[in-house]
């Protein structure tokens, strides 16, 4: 069914289905804290001298866990580079056209981290723990001597060593502390079920009011989210065109530049779920074709470089003039119309 567009008031409702464009994902990476808190009462004292430093102390040196931390850090960096911050919780929005690549990468990092955890637990943990207990033994000797110089601290030290050793988890417990959970959710419009029936008229009224308020609140968050997404895409274009301008000015255009621009184009396409601006997208695509078709002699030809400079200026100017709010308005109207057509098709 053909439509002329949605009414302005429709745009204030959270009824454009983002699930048509992507999914929401949550990455939770848990780890063993490897710290304990040393308090005055642990030393059998109410107060300790200023020379004794208590507080949080390491149960394992930081270097020992780097191999485990690395895959998790890479997974978070990859996800943040290939998604948008979603306005609910700490989730990320992933466009469908990049979802498969993200899932593959998350699976890769999860396996890499799982392997690192098993290697550390089975091959290094016991040795590292014993080395740390030696360090704790020396530290307790120094602390107890400072609190009461010249006294026999063997009993107090034995208690402290026992307490500290108990802070270390077993190998089975330790492995369970390192989690890597990547969950994907399909987005649906927020709904609250109304209470009906003669005995619940007032509650049904309250439910309708809460539903309206909830949808309005979510709608505002979606507006902020979409504005952020549009601004990020615009920023990617301006940042890349500025970089290309600098390379052209310094005469540093080469095959690496061509490859780098191609990577930008692919990244932009994967993240562009709103259909940013067709004219700009065409100009970028034409510029990429021109770069890819250039030989080594072309990249050093003054006339060719001058034309490239004009082309990149045009793309930058188009991006600078583009109105993100107008682009997002078109996107939301398109989604609303699609939803209404789908609903009427079912009727």
C-alpha atoms as a PDB file:
ATOM      1  CA  UNK A   1       0.000   0.000   0.000  1.00  0.00           C
ATOM      2  CA  UNK A   2       1.474   3.350  -1.010  1.00  0.00           C
ATOM      3  CA  UNK A   3       1.759   6.092   1.607  1.00  0.00           C
ATOM      4  CA  UNK A   4       2.718   9.746   1.572  1.00  0.00           C
ATOM      5  CA  UNK A   5       4.536   9.470   4.901  1.00  0.00           C
ATOM      6  CA  UNK A   6       3.948   9.341   8.649  1.00  0.00           C
ATOM      7  CA  UNK A   7       2.434  12.114  10.712  1.00  0.00           C
ATOM      8  CA  UNK A   8       4.856  14.134  12.875  1.00  0.00           C
ATOM      9  CA  UNK A   9       3.308  12.785  16.083  1.00  0.00           C
ATOM     10  CA  UNK A  10       4.097   9.239  14.934  1.00  0.00           C
ATOM     11  CA  UNK A  11       7.804  10.015  15.189  1.00  0.00           C
ATOM     12  CA  UNK A  12       7.463  10.560  18.930  1.00  0.00           C
ATOM     13  CA  UNK A  13       6.390   6.944  19.440  1.00  0.00           C
ATOM     14  CA  UNK A  14       8.766   4.017  19.876  1.00  0.00           C
ATOM     15  CA  UNK A  15       7.092   2.016  17.128  1.00  0.00           C
ATOM     16  CA  UNK A  16       9.833   1.851  14.514  1.00  0.00           C
ATOM     17  CA  UNK A  17      11.152  -1.703  14.628  1.00  0.00           C
ATOM     18  CA  UNK A  18      14.902  -1.736  15.058  1.00  0.00           C
ATOM     19  CA  UNK A  19      14.794  -5.529  14.946  1.00  0.00           C
ATOM     20  CA  UNK A  20      14.570  -5.176  11.179  1.00  0.00           C
ATOM     21  CA  UNK A  21      18.022  -3.583  11.213  1.00  0.00           C
ATOM     22  CA  UNK A  22      19.981  -5.498  13.815  1.00  0.00           C
ATOM     23  CA  UNK A  23      20.175  -7.112  17.229  1.00  0.00           C
ATOM     24  CA  UNK A  24      21.282  -6.142  20.719  1.00  0.00           C
ATOM     25  CA  UNK A  25      24.192  -8.004  22.286  1.00  0.00           C
ATOM     26  CA  UNK A  26      25.697  -8.175  25.737  1.00  0.00           C
ATOM     27  CA  UNK A  27      29.290  -9.229  26.401  1.00  0.00           C
ATOM     28  CA  UNK A  28      30.135 -10.108  29.997  1.00  0.00           C
ATOM     29  CA  UNK A  29      33.704 -11.067  30.801  1.00  0.00           C
ATOM     30  CA  UNK A  30      34.335 -12.147  34.384  1.00  0.00           C
ATOM     31  CA  UNK A  31      37.652 -12.914  36.026  1.00  0.00           C
ATOM     32  CA  UNK A  32      39.315 -13.747  39.292  1.00  0.00           C
ATOM     33  CA  UNK A  33      40.059 -10.532  41.169  1.00  0.00           C
ATOM     34  CA  UNK A  34      43.349 -11.903  42.588  1.00  0.00           C
ATOM     35  CA  UNK A  35      43.250  -9.404  45.470  1.00  0.00           C
ATOM     36  CA  UNK A  36      42.631  -9.622  49.200  1.00  0.00           C
ATOM     37  CA  UNK A  37      42.104  -6.947  51.807  1.00  0.00           C
ATOM     38  CA  UNK A  38      44.542  -6.858  54.714  1.00  0.00           C
ATOM     39  CA  UNK A  39      43.068  -5.161  57.798  1.00  0.00           C
ATOM     40  CA  UNK A  40      44.581  -4.190  61.209  1.00  0.00           C
ATOM     41  CA  UNK A  41      42.620  -6.986  62.944  1.00  0.00           C
ATOM     42  CA  UNK A  42      44.315  -9.501  60.642  1.00  0.00           C
ATOM     43  CA  UNK A  43      47.557  -8.512  62.368  1.00  0.00           C
ATOM     44  CA  UNK A  44      45.868  -8.783  65.758  1.00  0.00           C
ATOM     45  CA  UNK A  45      45.989  -5.015  66.294  1.00  0.00           C
ATOM     46  CA  UNK A  46      43.479  -2.191  66.611  1.00  0.00           C
ATOM     47  CA  UNK A  47      45.834   0.237  64.891  1.00  0.00           C
ATOM     48  CA  UNK A  48      49.069  -0.166  62.964  1.00  0.00           C
ATOM     49  CA  UNK A  49      52.111   2.125  62.635  1.00  0.00           C
ATOM     50  CA  UNK A  50      52.194   4.493  59.669  1.00  0.00           C
ATOM     51  CA  UNK A  51      55.096   2.532  58.177  1.00  0.00           C
ATOM     52  CA  UNK A  52      52.834  -0.492  57.699  1.00  0.00           C
ATOM     53  CA  UNK A  53      50.678  -0.262  54.558  1.00  0.00           C
ATOM     54  CA  UNK A  54      47.504  -2.336  54.608  1.00  0.00           C
ATOM     55  CA  UNK A  55      44.523  -2.350  52.245  1.00  0.00           C
ATOM     56  CA  UNK A  56      44.206  -4.327  48.991  1.00  0.00           C
ATOM     57  CA  UNK A  57      47.076  -6.699  48.316  1.00  0.00           C
ATOM     58  CA  UNK A  58      47.811  -8.891  45.314  1.00  0.00           C
ATOM     59  CA  UNK A  59      47.241 -12.629  45.464  1.00  0.00           C
ATOM     60  CA  UNK A  60      48.815 -12.978  42.030  1.00  0.00           C
ATOM     61  CA  UNK A  61      51.125 -10.676  40.106  1.00  0.00           C
ATOM     62  CA  UNK A  62      49.498  -8.881  37.172  1.00  0.00           C
ATOM     63  CA  UNK A  63      51.802 -10.389  34.562  1.00  0.00           C
ATOM     64  CA  UNK A  64      50.557 -13.900  35.358  1.00  0.00           C
ATOM     65  CA  UNK A  65      47.036 -13.193  34.091  1.00  0.00           C
ATOM     66  CA  UNK A  66      47.903 -11.217  30.951  1.00  0.00           C
ATOM     67  CA  UNK A  67      47.525 -14.218  28.655  1.00  0.00           C
ATOM     68  CA  UNK A  68      43.996 -14.710  29.976  1.00  0.00           C
ATOM     69  CA  UNK A  69      43.087 -11.015  29.867  1.00  0.00           C
ATOM     70  CA  UNK A  70      44.281 -10.483  26.289  1.00  0.00           C
ATOM     71  CA  UNK A  71      41.476 -12.345  24.390  1.00  0.00           C
ATOM     72  CA  UNK A  72      38.803 -10.656  26.528  1.00  0.00           C
ATOM     73  CA  UNK A  73      40.278  -7.214  25.893  1.00  0.00           C
ATOM     74  CA  UNK A  74      40.450  -7.927  22.153  1.00  0.00           C
ATOM     75  CA  UNK A  75      36.836  -9.123  22.167  1.00  0.00           C
ATOM     76  CA  UNK A  76      35.651  -5.934  23.867  1.00  0.00           C
ATOM     77  CA  UNK A  77      37.656  -3.736  21.487  1.00  0.00           C
ATOM     78  CA  UNK A  78      36.311  -5.593  18.435  1.00  0.00           C
ATOM     79  CA  UNK A  79      32.720  -5.412  19.651  1.00  0.00           C
ATOM     80  CA  UNK A  80      32.954  -1.681  20.437  1.00  0.00           C
ATOM     81  CA  UNK A  81      34.460  -1.002  17.005  1.00  0.00           C
ATOM     82  CA  UNK A  82      31.717  -2.936  15.224  1.00  0.00           C
ATOM     83  CA  UNK A  83      28.598  -1.902  17.124  1.00  0.00           C
ATOM     84  CA  UNK A  84      26.801   1.009  18.752  1.00  0.00           C
ATOM     85  CA  UNK A  85      26.102   1.709  22.419  1.00  0.00           C
ATOM     86  CA  UNK A  86      22.444   0.819  22.973  1.00  0.00           C
ATOM     87  CA  UNK A  87      20.300   2.943  25.341  1.00  0.00           C
ATOM     88  CA  UNK A  88      19.272   0.027  27.572  1.00  0.00           C
ATOM     89  CA  UNK A  89      21.778  -1.278  30.115  1.00  0.00           C
ATOM     90  CA  UNK A  90      25.302  -1.726  28.804  1.00  0.00           C
ATOM     91  CA  UNK A  91      24.290  -3.553  25.655  1.00  0.00           C
ATOM     92  CA  UNK A  92      25.523  -2.960  22.101  1.00  0.00           C
ATOM     93  CA  UNK A  93      23.506  -2.703  18.879  1.00  0.00           C
ATOM     94  CA  UNK A  94      24.904  -4.782  15.989  1.00  0.00           C
ATOM     95  CA  UNK A  95      23.611  -4.231  12.427  1.00  0.00           C
ATOM     96  CA  UNK A  96      22.570  -7.467  10.715  1.00  0.00           C
ATOM     97  CA  UNK A  97      25.070  -7.041   7.894  1.00  0.00           C
ATOM     98  CA  UNK A  98      27.973  -7.409  10.325  1.00  0.00           C
ATOM     99  CA  UNK A  99      26.373  -9.830  12.806  1.00  0.00           C
ATOM    100  CA  UNK A 100      27.871 -13.015  11.345  1.00  0.00           C
ATOM    101  CA  UNK A 101      31.386 -11.548  11.410  1.00  0.00           C
ATOM    102  CA  UNK A 102      30.919 -10.420  15.027  1.00  0.00           C
ATOM    103  CA  UNK A 103      29.602 -13.834  16.088  1.00  0.00           C
ATOM    104  CA  UNK A 104      32.556 -15.558  14.435  1.00  0.00           C
ATOM    105  CA  UNK A 105      35.014 -13.235  16.179  1.00  0.00           C
ATOM    106  CA  UNK A 106      33.357 -13.636  19.576  1.00  0.00           C
ATOM    107  CA  UNK A 107      33.504 -17.416  19.173  1.00  0.00           C
ATOM    108  CA  UNK A 108      37.182 -17.141  18.248  1.00  0.00           C
ATOM    109  CA  UNK A 109      38.017 -14.972  21.273  1.00  0.00           C
ATOM    110  CA  UNK A 110      35.973 -17.181  23.606  1.00  0.00           C
ATOM    111  CA  UNK A 111      37.900 -20.269  22.523  1.00  0.00           C
ATOM    112  CA  UNK A 112      41.219 -18.417  22.753  1.00  0.00           C
ATOM    113  CA  UNK A 113      40.403 -17.260  26.291  1.00  0.00           C
ATOM    114  CA  UNK A 114      39.159 -20.693  27.345  1.00  0.00           C
ATOM    115  CA  UNK A 115      42.410 -22.246  26.167  1.00  0.00           C
ATOM    116  CA  UNK A 116      44.454 -19.602  28.033  1.00  0.00           C
ATOM    117  CA  UNK A 117      42.474 -20.260  31.248  1.00  0.00           C
ATOM    118  CA  UNK A 118      42.984 -24.028  31.068  1.00  0.00           C
ATOM    119  CA  UNK A 119      46.705 -23.601  30.377  1.00  0.00           C
ATOM    120  CA  UNK A 120      47.157 -21.223  33.310  1.00  0.00           C
ATOM    121  CA  UNK A 121      45.142 -23.366  35.750  1.00  0.00           C
ATOM    122  CA  UNK A 122      46.764 -26.692  34.811  1.00  0.00           C
ATOM    123  CA  UNK A 123      50.350 -25.571  34.169  1.00  0.00           C
ATOM    124  CA  UNK A 124      51.096 -22.351  36.041  1.00  0.00           C
ATOM    125  CA  UNK A 125      48.656 -21.664  38.874  1.00  0.00           C
ATOM    126  CA  UNK A 126      50.196 -23.874  41.572  1.00  0.00           C
ATOM    127  CA  UNK A 127      53.722 -22.643  40.868  1.00  0.00           C
ATOM    128  CA  UNK A 128      52.615 -18.971  40.807  1.00  0.00           C
ATOM    129  CA  UNK A 129      50.632 -19.421  44.025  1.00  0.00           C
ATOM    130  CA  UNK A 130      53.648 -20.902  45.834  1.00  0.00           C
ATOM    131  CA  UNK A 131      55.854 -18.062  44.601  1.00  0.00           C
ATOM    132  CA  UNK A 132      53.338 -15.524  45.899  1.00  0.00           C
ATOM    133  CA  UNK A 133      53.179 -17.268  49.288  1.00  0.00           C
ATOM    134  CA  UNK A 134      56.948 -16.831  49.580  1.00  0.00           C
ATOM    135  CA  UNK A 135      56.466 -13.116  48.941  1.00  0.00           C
ATOM    136  CA  UNK A 136      53.660 -12.996  51.512  1.00  0.00           C
ATOM    137  CA  UNK A 137      55.905 -14.708  54.052  1.00  0.00           C
ATOM    138  CA  UNK A 138      58.554 -12.021  53.673  1.00  0.00           C
ATOM    139  CA  UNK A 139      55.926  -9.258  53.741  1.00  0.00           C
ATOM    140  CA  UNK A 140      54.415 -10.574  56.989  1.00  0.00           C
ATOM    141  CA  UNK A 141      57.867 -10.772  58.566  1.00  0.00           C
ATOM    142  CA  UNK A 142      58.447  -7.105  57.751  1.00  0.00           C
ATOM    143  CA  UNK A 143      54.975  -5.973  58.859  1.00  0.00           C
ATOM    144  CA  UNK A 144      55.024  -7.830  62.176  1.00  0.00           C
ATOM    145  CA  UNK A 145      58.526  -6.639  62.969  1.00  0.00           C
ATOM    146  CA  UNK A 146      57.463  -3.037  62.396  1.00  0.00           C
ATOM    147  CA  UNK A 147      54.433  -3.425  64.691  1.00  0.00           C
ATOM    148  CA  UNK A 148      56.436  -4.978  67.546  1.00  0.00           C
ATOM    149  CA  UNK A 149      60.231  -4.925  66.942  1.00  0.00           C
ATOM    150  CA  UNK A 150      62.270  -7.786  68.401  1.00  0.00           C
ATOM    151  CA  UNK A 151      59.301  -9.965  69.466  1.00  0.00           C
ATOM    152  CA  UNK A 152      58.604 -13.549  68.412  1.00  0.00           C
ATOM    153  CA  UNK A 153      55.983 -13.372  65.654  1.00  0.00           C
ATOM    154  CA  UNK A 154      55.917 -17.033  64.609  1.00  0.00           C
ATOM    155  CA  UNK A 155      52.401 -17.744  65.903  1.00  0.00           C
ATOM    156  CA  UNK A 156      50.909 -14.572  64.415  1.00  0.00           C
ATOM    157  CA  UNK A 157      52.691 -15.199  61.129  1.00  0.00           C
ATOM    158  CA  UNK A 158      51.450 -18.802  60.918  1.00  0.00           C
ATOM    159  CA  UNK A 159      47.860 -17.585  61.353  1.00  0.00           C
ATOM    160  CA  UNK A 160      48.314 -14.913  58.688  1.00  0.00           C
ATOM    161  CA  UNK A 161      49.832 -17.392  56.253  1.00  0.00           C
ATOM    162  CA  UNK A 162      46.938 -19.789  56.849  1.00  0.00           C
ATOM    163  CA  UNK A 163      44.369 -17.031  56.283  1.00  0.00           C
ATOM    164  CA  UNK A 164      46.107 -15.887  53.116  1.00  0.00           C
ATOM    165  CA  UNK A 165      46.430 -19.362  51.661  1.00  0.00           C
ATOM    166  CA  UNK A 166      42.706 -19.864  52.233  1.00  0.00           C
ATOM    167  CA  UNK A 167      42.043 -16.858  49.981  1.00  0.00           C
ATOM    168  CA  UNK A 168      43.293 -18.806  46.961  1.00  0.00           C
ATOM    169  CA  UNK A 169      40.555 -20.787  45.143  1.00  0.00           C
ATOM    170  CA  UNK A 170      41.022 -24.417  44.174  1.00  0.00           C
ATOM    171  CA  UNK A 171      41.904 -25.116  40.547  1.00  0.00           C
ATOM    172  CA  UNK A 172      38.287 -26.075  39.789  1.00  0.00           C
ATOM    173  CA  UNK A 173      36.954 -22.956  41.520  1.00  0.00           C
ATOM    174  CA  UNK A 174      39.502 -20.766  39.748  1.00  0.00           C
ATOM    175  CA  UNK A 175      38.548 -21.976  36.269  1.00  0.00           C
ATOM    176  CA  UNK A 176      34.882 -21.213  36.996  1.00  0.00           C
ATOM    177  CA  UNK A 177      35.738 -17.600  37.873  1.00  0.00           C
ATOM    178  CA  UNK A 178      36.767 -16.814  34.288  1.00  0.00           C
ATOM    179  CA  UNK A 179      33.568 -16.360  32.305  1.00  0.00           C
ATOM    180  CA  UNK A 180      32.981 -15.226  28.721  1.00  0.00           C
ATOM    181  CA  UNK A 181      29.291 -14.741  27.958  1.00  0.00           C
ATOM    182  CA  UNK A 182      28.157 -13.218  24.675  1.00  0.00           C
ATOM    183  CA  UNK A 183      24.370 -13.089  24.415  1.00  0.00           C
ATOM    184  CA  UNK A 184      22.335 -11.780  21.476  1.00  0.00           C
ATOM    185  CA  UNK A 185      18.786 -10.449  21.888  1.00  0.00           C
ATOM    186  CA  UNK A 186      16.206  -9.726  19.207  1.00  0.00           C
ATOM    187  CA  UNK A 187      14.659  -6.286  19.681  1.00  0.00           C
ATOM    188  CA  UNK A 188      10.897  -5.962  20.033  1.00  0.00           C
ATOM    189  CA  UNK A 189       8.726  -2.970  20.815  1.00  0.00           C
ATOM    190  CA  UNK A 190       8.302  -2.445  24.564  1.00  0.00           C
ATOM    191  CA  UNK A 191       4.932  -3.659  25.744  1.00  0.00           C
ATOM    192  CA  UNK A 192       3.154  -3.953  29.092  1.00  0.00           C
ATOM    193  CA  UNK A 193       0.101  -6.164  29.393  1.00  0.00           C
ATOM    194  CA  UNK A 194      -2.981  -4.342  30.662  1.00  0.00           C
ATOM    195  CA  UNK A 195      -5.085  -5.785  33.436  1.00  0.00           C
ATOM    196  CA  UNK A 196      -8.723  -6.183  32.369  1.00  0.00           C
ATOM    197  CA  UNK A 197     -11.920  -7.254  34.098  1.00  0.00           C
ATOM    198  CA  UNK A 198     -14.572  -5.636  36.240  1.00  0.00           C
ATOM    199  CA  UNK A 199     -12.499  -5.994  39.398  1.00  0.00           C
ATOM    200  CA  UNK A 200      -9.423  -4.308  37.911  1.00  0.00           C
ATOM    201  CA  UNK A 201     -10.642  -1.240  35.988  1.00  0.00           C
ATOM    202  CA  UNK A 202      -8.518   1.169  38.011  1.00  0.00           C
ATOM    203  CA  UNK A 203      -5.452  -1.034  37.617  1.00  0.00           C
ATOM    204  CA  UNK A 204      -6.013  -1.255  33.883  1.00  0.00           C
ATOM    205  CA  UNK A 205      -6.120   2.540  33.693  1.00  0.00           C
ATOM    206  CA  UNK A 206      -2.874   2.790  35.628  1.00  0.00           C
ATOM    207  CA  UNK A 207      -1.348   0.163  33.354  1.00  0.00           C
ATOM    208  CA  UNK A 208      -2.272   2.162  30.249  1.00  0.00           C
ATOM    209  CA  UNK A 209      -0.698   5.294  31.729  1.00  0.00           C
ATOM    210  CA  UNK A 210       2.472   3.429  32.686  1.00  0.00           C
ATOM    211  CA  UNK A 211       2.670   1.859  29.240  1.00  0.00           C
ATOM    212  CA  UNK A 212       2.413   5.297  27.613  1.00  0.00           C
ATOM    213  CA  UNK A 213       5.073   6.752  29.917  1.00  0.00           C
ATOM    214  CA  UNK A 214       7.348   3.780  29.400  1.00  0.00           C
ATOM    215  CA  UNK A 215       7.095   3.931  25.616  1.00  0.00           C
ATOM    216  CA  UNK A 216       7.753   7.671  25.652  1.00  0.00           C
ATOM    217  CA  UNK A 217      10.827   7.205  27.828  1.00  0.00           C
ATOM    218  CA  UNK A 218      12.161   4.422  25.606  1.00  0.00           C
ATOM    219  CA  UNK A 219      11.428   6.519  22.530  1.00  0.00           C
ATOM    220  CA  UNK A 220      13.601   9.338  23.862  1.00  0.00           C
ATOM    221  CA  UNK A 221      16.423   6.905  24.524  1.00  0.00           C
ATOM    222  CA  UNK A 222      16.098   5.531  21.002  1.00  0.00           C
ATOM    223  CA  UNK A 223      16.286   9.065  19.631  1.00  0.00           C
ATOM    224  CA  UNK A 224      19.553   9.649  21.488  1.00  0.00           C
ATOM    225  CA  UNK A 225      20.861   6.269  20.302  1.00  0.00           C
ATOM    226  CA  UNK A 226      20.018   6.938  16.653  1.00  0.00           C
ATOM    227  CA  UNK A 227      21.483  10.434  16.837  1.00  0.00           C
ATOM    228  CA  UNK A 228      24.696   8.960  18.220  1.00  0.00           C
ATOM    229  CA  UNK A 229      24.766   6.341  15.451  1.00  0.00           C
ATOM    230  CA  UNK A 230      24.252   8.960  12.736  1.00  0.00           C
ATOM    231  CA  UNK A 231      26.897  11.230  14.224  1.00  0.00           C
ATOM    232  CA  UNK A 232      29.370   8.355  14.381  1.00  0.00           C
ATOM    233  CA  UNK A 233      28.863   7.547  10.686  1.00  0.00           C
ATOM    234  CA  UNK A 234      29.274  11.213   9.765  1.00  0.00           C
ATOM    235  CA  UNK A 235      32.384  11.409  11.922  1.00  0.00           C
ATOM    236  CA  UNK A 236      33.877   8.382  10.165  1.00  0.00           C
ATOM    237  CA  UNK A 237      33.469  10.118   6.791  1.00  0.00           C
ATOM    238  CA  UNK A 238      34.934  13.438   7.954  1.00  0.00           C
ATOM    239  CA  UNK A 239      37.853  11.782   9.756  1.00  0.00           C
ATOM    240  CA  UNK A 240      38.743   9.685   6.703  1.00  0.00           C
ATOM    241  CA  UNK A 241      38.432  12.559   4.232  1.00  0.00           C
ATOM    242  CA  UNK A 242      40.639  14.728   6.467  1.00  0.00           C
ATOM    243  CA  UNK A 243      43.224  11.954   6.552  1.00  0.00           C
ATOM    244  CA  UNK A 244      43.070  11.544   2.764  1.00  0.00           C
ATOM    245  CA  UNK A 245      43.479  15.305   2.307  1.00  0.00           C
ATOM    246  CA  UNK A 246      46.624  15.189   4.410  1.00  0.00           C
ATOM    247  CA  UNK A 247      48.071  12.311   2.396  1.00  0.00           C
ATOM    248  CA  UNK A 248      47.283  14.024  -0.891  1.00  0.00           C
ATOM    249  CA  UNK A 249      48.877  17.264   0.298  1.00  0.00           C
ATOM    250  CA  UNK A 250      52.058  15.474   1.380  1.00  0.00           C
ATOM    251  CA  UNK A 251      52.196  13.285  -1.733  1.00  0.00           C
ATOM    252  CA  UNK A 252      52.087  10.056   0.293  1.00  0.00           C
ATOM    253  CA  UNK A 253      49.419   8.261  -1.741  1.00  0.00           C
ATOM    254  CA  UNK A 254      50.405   4.639  -2.394  1.00  0.00           C
ATOM    255  CA  UNK A 255      48.936   1.127  -2.485  1.00  0.00           C
ATOM    256  CA  UNK A 256      48.730   1.069   1.317  1.00  0.00           C
ATOM    257  CA  UNK A 257      46.535   4.168   1.118  1.00  0.00           C
ATOM    258  CA  UNK A 258      44.273   2.426  -1.393  1.00  0.00           C
ATOM    259  CA  UNK A 259      43.953  -0.587   0.926  1.00  0.00           C
ATOM    260  CA  UNK A 260      43.285   1.601   3.973  1.00  0.00           C
ATOM    261  CA  UNK A 261      40.500   3.472   2.164  1.00  0.00           C
ATOM    262  CA  UNK A 262      38.981   0.162   1.111  1.00  0.00           C
ATOM    263  CA  UNK A 263      38.965  -0.947   4.763  1.00  0.00           C
ATOM    264  CA  UNK A 264      37.173   2.268   5.719  1.00  0.00           C
ATOM    265  CA  UNK A 265      34.521   1.705   3.032  1.00  0.00           C
ATOM    266  CA  UNK A 266      33.877  -1.858   4.234  1.00  0.00           C
ATOM    267  CA  UNK A 267      33.674  -0.755   7.869  1.00  0.00           C
ATOM    268  CA  UNK A 268      31.287   2.075   6.983  1.00  0.00           C
ATOM    269  CA  UNK A 269      29.009  -0.224   4.984  1.00  0.00           C
ATOM    270  CA  UNK A 270      28.852  -2.774   7.798  1.00  0.00           C
ATOM    271  CA  UNK A 271      27.920  -0.173  10.408  1.00  0.00           C
ATOM    272  CA  UNK A 272      25.477   1.803   8.262  1.00  0.00           C
ATOM    273  CA  UNK A 273      22.105   0.311   9.185  1.00  0.00           C
ATOM    274  CA  UNK A 274      20.215   3.611   8.774  1.00  0.00           C
ATOM    275  CA  UNK A 275      21.029   4.208   5.104  1.00  0.00           C
ATOM    276  CA  UNK A 276      23.102   7.300   5.843  1.00  0.00           C
ATOM    277  CA  UNK A 277      23.024   9.277   2.585  1.00  0.00           C
ATOM    278  CA  UNK A 278      22.786   7.642  -0.840  1.00  0.00           C
ATOM    279  CA  UNK A 279      24.542  10.495  -2.648  1.00  0.00           C
ATOM    280  CA  UNK A 280      27.485  10.413  -0.233  1.00  0.00           C
ATOM    281  CA  UNK A 281      27.624   6.619  -0.404  1.00  0.00           C
ATOM    282  CA  UNK A 282      27.760   6.790  -4.215  1.00  0.00           C
ATOM    283  CA  UNK A 283      30.503   9.429  -4.122  1.00  0.00           C
ATOM    284  CA  UNK A 284      32.538   7.260  -1.712  1.00  0.00           C
ATOM    285  CA  UNK A 285      31.992   4.179  -3.891  1.00  0.00           C
ATOM    286  CA  UNK A 286      33.087   6.073  -7.032  1.00  0.00           C
ATOM    287  CA  UNK A 287      36.192   7.346  -5.248  1.00  0.00           C
ATOM    288  CA  UNK A 288      37.043   3.806  -4.118  1.00  0.00           C
ATOM    289  CA  UNK A 289      36.693   2.481  -7.692  1.00  0.00           C
ATOM    290  CA  UNK A 290      38.977   5.240  -8.948  1.00  0.00           C
ATOM    291  CA  UNK A 291      41.582   4.425  -6.287  1.00  0.00           C
ATOM    292  CA  UNK A 292      41.414   0.674  -6.886  1.00  0.00           C
ATOM    293  CA  UNK A 293      41.876   1.164 -10.606  1.00  0.00           C
ATOM    294  CA  UNK A 294      44.907   3.390 -10.193  1.00  0.00           C
ATOM    295  CA  UNK A 295      48.314   2.041 -11.084  1.00  0.00           C
ATOM    296  CA  UNK A 296      51.633   3.062  -9.553  1.00  0.00           C
ATOM    297  CA  UNK A 297      52.175   5.684 -12.246  1.00  0.00           C
ATOM    298  CA  UNK A 298      48.691   7.148 -11.650  1.00  0.00           C
ATOM    299  CA  UNK A 299      49.413   7.617  -7.958  1.00  0.00           C
ATOM    300  CA  UNK A 300      52.373   9.815  -8.847  1.00  0.00           C
ATOM    301  CA  UNK A 301      50.638  11.687 -11.679  1.00  0.00           C
ATOM    302  CA  UNK A 302      49.949  15.305 -10.743  1.00  0.00           C
ATOM    303  CA  UNK A 303      46.776  15.603 -12.824  1.00  0.00           C
ATOM    304  CA  UNK A 304      45.342  12.377 -11.366  1.00  0.00           C
ATOM    305  CA  UNK A 305      46.158  13.493  -7.810  1.00  0.00           C
ATOM    306  CA  UNK A 306      44.507  16.874  -8.438  1.00  0.00           C
ATOM    307  CA  UNK A 307      41.307  15.115  -9.478  1.00  0.00           C
ATOM    308  CA  UNK A 308      41.471  12.891  -6.395  1.00  0.00           C
ATOM    309  CA  UNK A 309      41.809  16.010  -4.285  1.00  0.00           C
ATOM    310  CA  UNK A 310      38.669  17.495  -5.874  1.00  0.00           C
ATOM    311  CA  UNK A 311      36.760  14.241  -5.348  1.00  0.00           C
ATOM    312  CA  UNK A 312      37.686  14.012  -1.662  1.00  0.00           C
ATOM    313  CA  UNK A 313      36.806  17.694  -1.195  1.00  0.00           C
ATOM    314  CA  UNK A 314      33.381  17.008  -2.668  1.00  0.00           C
ATOM    315  CA  UNK A 315      32.779  14.039  -0.317  1.00  0.00           C
ATOM    316  CA  UNK A 316      33.889  16.086   2.682  1.00  0.00           C
ATOM    317  CA  UNK A 317      31.653  18.998   1.712  1.00  0.00           C
ATOM    318  CA  UNK A 318      28.660  16.686   1.223  1.00  0.00           C
ATOM    319  CA  UNK A 319      29.238  15.113   4.639  1.00  0.00           C
ATOM    320  CA  UNK A 320      29.675  18.501   6.306  1.00  0.00           C
ATOM    321  CA  UNK A 321      26.380  19.719   4.843  1.00  0.00           C
ATOM    322  CA  UNK A 322      24.460  16.522   5.593  1.00  0.00           C
ATOM    323  CA  UNK A 323      21.795  16.858   8.280  1.00  0.00           C
ATOM    324  CA  UNK A 324      21.884  13.857  10.615  1.00  0.00           C
ATOM    325  CA  UNK A 325      18.434  14.612  12.047  1.00  0.00           C
ATOM    326  CA  UNK A 326      16.917  14.675   8.560  1.00  0.00           C
ATOM    327  CA  UNK A 327      18.565  11.335   7.713  1.00  0.00           C
ATOM    328  CA  UNK A 328      17.255   9.795  10.927  1.00  0.00           C
ATOM    329  CA  UNK A 329      13.788  11.203  10.269  1.00  0.00           C
ATOM    330  CA  UNK A 330      13.713   9.413   6.917  1.00  0.00           C
ATOM    331  CA  UNK A 331      14.918   6.220   8.574  1.00  0.00           C
ATOM    332  CA  UNK A 332      12.193   6.303  11.245  1.00  0.00           C
ATOM    333  CA  UNK A 333       9.460   7.156   8.728  1.00  0.00           C
ATOM    334  CA  UNK A 334      10.583   4.241   6.592  1.00  0.00           C
ATOM    335  CA  UNK A 335      10.454   1.868   9.564  1.00  0.00           C
ATOM    336  CA  UNK A 336       7.004   3.113  10.638  1.00  0.00           C
ATOM    337  CA  UNK A 337       5.603   2.698   7.126  1.00  0.00           C
ATOM    338  CA  UNK A 338       7.085  -0.804   6.878  1.00  0.00           C
ATOM    339  CA  UNK A 339       5.488  -1.735  10.209  1.00  0.00           C
ATOM    340  CA  UNK A 340       2.054  -0.402   9.234  1.00  0.00           C
ATOM    341  CA  UNK A 341       2.142  -2.170   5.886  1.00  0.00           C
ATOM    342  CA  UNK A 342       3.054  -5.402   7.643  1.00  0.00           C
ATOM    343  CA  UNK A 343       0.225  -5.027  10.176  1.00  0.00           C
ATOM    344  CA  UNK A 344      -2.335  -4.269   7.444  1.00  0.00           C
ATOM    345  CA  UNK A 345      -1.143  -7.242   5.429  1.00  0.00           C
ATOM    346  CA  UNK A 346      -1.971  -9.469   8.389  1.00  0.00           C
ATOM    347  CA  UNK A 347      -5.438  -7.910   8.833  1.00  0.00           C
END
